[in-house]
Structure formats: C-alpha cells, structure tokens
C-alpha atoms as a PDB file:
ATOM      1  CA  MET A   1      -7.770  19.129  14.756  1.00  0.00           C
ATOM      2  CA  PHE A   2      -9.649  15.819  14.502  1.00  0.00           C
ATOM      3  CA  ASP A   3      -9.715  16.099  10.700  1.00  0.00           C
ATOM      4  CA  ILE A   4      -5.953  16.592  10.633  1.00  0.00           C
ATOM      5  CA  ALA A   5      -5.329  13.587  12.901  1.00  0.00           C
ATOM      6  CA  CYS A   6      -7.598  11.395  10.751  1.00  0.00           C
ATOM      7  CA  GLY A   7      -6.280  12.770   7.482  1.00  0.00           C
ATOM      8  CA  THR A   8      -9.804  13.481   6.283  1.00  0.00           C
ATOM      9  CA  ASN A   9     -13.038  15.156   7.323  1.00  0.00           C
ATOM     10  CA  ILE A  10     -15.171  12.165   6.277  1.00  0.00           C
ATOM     11  CA  ILE A  11     -14.910  10.399   9.659  1.00  0.00           C
ATOM     12  CA  ARG A  12     -16.053  13.512  11.549  1.00  0.00           C
ATOM     13  CA  ILE A  13     -18.916  14.194   9.158  1.00  0.00           C
ATOM     14  CA  GLU A  14     -20.235  10.622   9.289  1.00  0.00           C
ATOM     15  CA  PHE A  15     -19.791  10.375  13.075  1.00  0.00           C
ATOM     16  CA  SER A  16     -21.667  13.656  13.546  1.00  0.00           C
ATOM     17  CA  LYS A  17     -24.762  12.158  11.945  1.00  0.00           C
ATOM     18  CA  THR A  18     -25.443   9.553  14.659  1.00  0.00           C
ATOM     19  CA  PHE A  19     -22.562   9.816  17.155  1.00  0.00           C
ATOM     20  CA  GLN A  20     -22.180   6.033  16.984  1.00  0.00           C
ATOM     21  CA  VAL A  21     -18.733   4.494  16.525  1.00  0.00           C
ATOM     22  CA  ARG A  22     -20.232   1.504  14.726  1.00  0.00           C
ATOM     23  CA  ASP A  23     -21.343   3.862  11.957  1.00  0.00           C
ATOM     24  CA  VAL A  24     -17.778   4.970  11.168  1.00  0.00           C
ATOM     25  CA  ARG A  25     -15.816   1.851  12.127  1.00  0.00           C
ATOM     26  CA  GLN A  26     -15.617   0.582   8.542  1.00  0.00           C
ATOM     27  CA  LEU A  27     -14.362   3.987   7.343  1.00  0.00           C
ATOM     28  CA  TRP A  28     -11.882   4.142  10.213  1.00  0.00           C
ATOM     29  CA  ASP A  29     -10.470   0.667   9.570  1.00  0.00           C
ATOM     30  CA  LYS A  30     -10.560   0.879   5.771  1.00  0.00           C
ATOM     31  CA  ASP A  31      -6.882   1.778   5.368  1.00  0.00           C
ATOM     32  CA  LEU A  32      -5.555  -0.060   8.429  1.00  0.00           C
ATOM     33  CA  ASN A  33      -3.818  -2.828   6.476  1.00  0.00           C
ATOM     34  CA  THR A  34      -2.171  -0.283   4.191  1.00  0.00           C
ATOM     35  CA  PHE A  35      -0.919   1.605   7.246  1.00  0.00           C
ATOM     36  CA  ARG A  36       0.456  -1.593   8.774  1.00  0.00           C
ATOM     37  CA  GLU A  37       2.389  -2.437   5.613  1.00  0.00           C
ATOM     38  CA  LYS A  38       3.855   1.066   5.384  1.00  0.00           C
ATOM     39  CA  ALA A  39       4.739   1.054   9.080  1.00  0.00           C
ATOM     40  CA  LYS A  40       6.619  -2.250   8.714  1.00  0.00           C
ATOM     41  CA  LYS A  41       8.788  -0.724   5.989  1.00  0.00           C
ATOM     42  CA  ILE A  42       9.573   2.270   8.190  1.00  0.00           C
ATOM     43  CA  LEU A  43      10.358   0.071  11.174  1.00  0.00           C
ATOM     44  CA  LEU A  44      12.944  -1.836   9.136  1.00  0.00           C
ATOM     45  CA  VAL A  45      15.145   1.263   8.799  1.00  0.00           C
ATOM     46  CA  LEU A  46      15.180   2.144  12.508  1.00  0.00           C
ATOM     47  CA  LYS A  47      18.347   1.629  14.531  1.00  0.00           C
ATOM     48  CA  PRO A  48      18.592  -1.472  16.761  1.00  0.00           C
ATOM     49  CA  GLY A  49      18.994   0.686  19.878  1.00  0.00           C
ATOM     50  CA  ILE A  50      15.274   1.343  19.966  1.00  0.00           C
ATOM     51  CA  SER A  51      14.109  -2.248  19.782  1.00  0.00           C
ATOM     52  CA  LEU A  52      11.676  -1.736  22.683  1.00  0.00           C
ATOM     53  CA  ILE A  53       9.812   0.903  20.711  1.00  0.00           C
ATOM     54  CA  ILE A  54       9.738  -1.343  17.645  1.00  0.00           C
ATOM     55  CA  SER A  55       8.488  -4.283  19.690  1.00  0.00           C
ATOM     56  CA  THR A  56       5.781  -2.181  21.318  1.00  0.00           C
ATOM     57  CA  PHE A  57       4.717  -0.713  17.984  1.00  0.00           C
ATOM     58  CA  ASN A  58       4.600  -4.147  16.341  1.00  0.00           C
ATOM     59  CA  ASN A  59       2.401  -5.394  19.180  1.00  0.00           C
ATOM     60  CA  TYR A  60       0.083  -2.445  18.548  1.00  0.00           C
ATOM     61  CA  LEU A  61      -0.117  -3.259  14.851  1.00  0.00           C
ATOM     62  CA  ASN A  62      -1.075  -6.876  15.446  1.00  0.00           C
END
C-alpha cells in the first residue's frame, strides 16, 4: 500500500536500508515542485463554492 501511495517502491526500498527519514527526504521531495504546479492548475478549475478547501490546500502547498 505504501508503494501505491508514493507512486513508486524506491522510497520504501531506500527507507528500509536505514529506517532514517533523512536518507529518503531528497527522494521524497524531489517532485514536490512539480506536484505543486500541477495542483495549482487543478485548483483553478474547481467551483467557487469550495473556496475553503482551496484555501486550505494552498496553505498546505506553501
């Protein structure tokens, strides 16, 4: 299940070597900016009635 949530098995494999977050942090954060850009595009098409969710999500992204 962890591999599915991460979209890859690389994080699990690397973490299993030392069980230290610092050892996988760079892998984990590698695509964060790409995700943020894609999420912004998705948020632009949402209806105004859910502005609280958008605001909360934008706070999470920043």
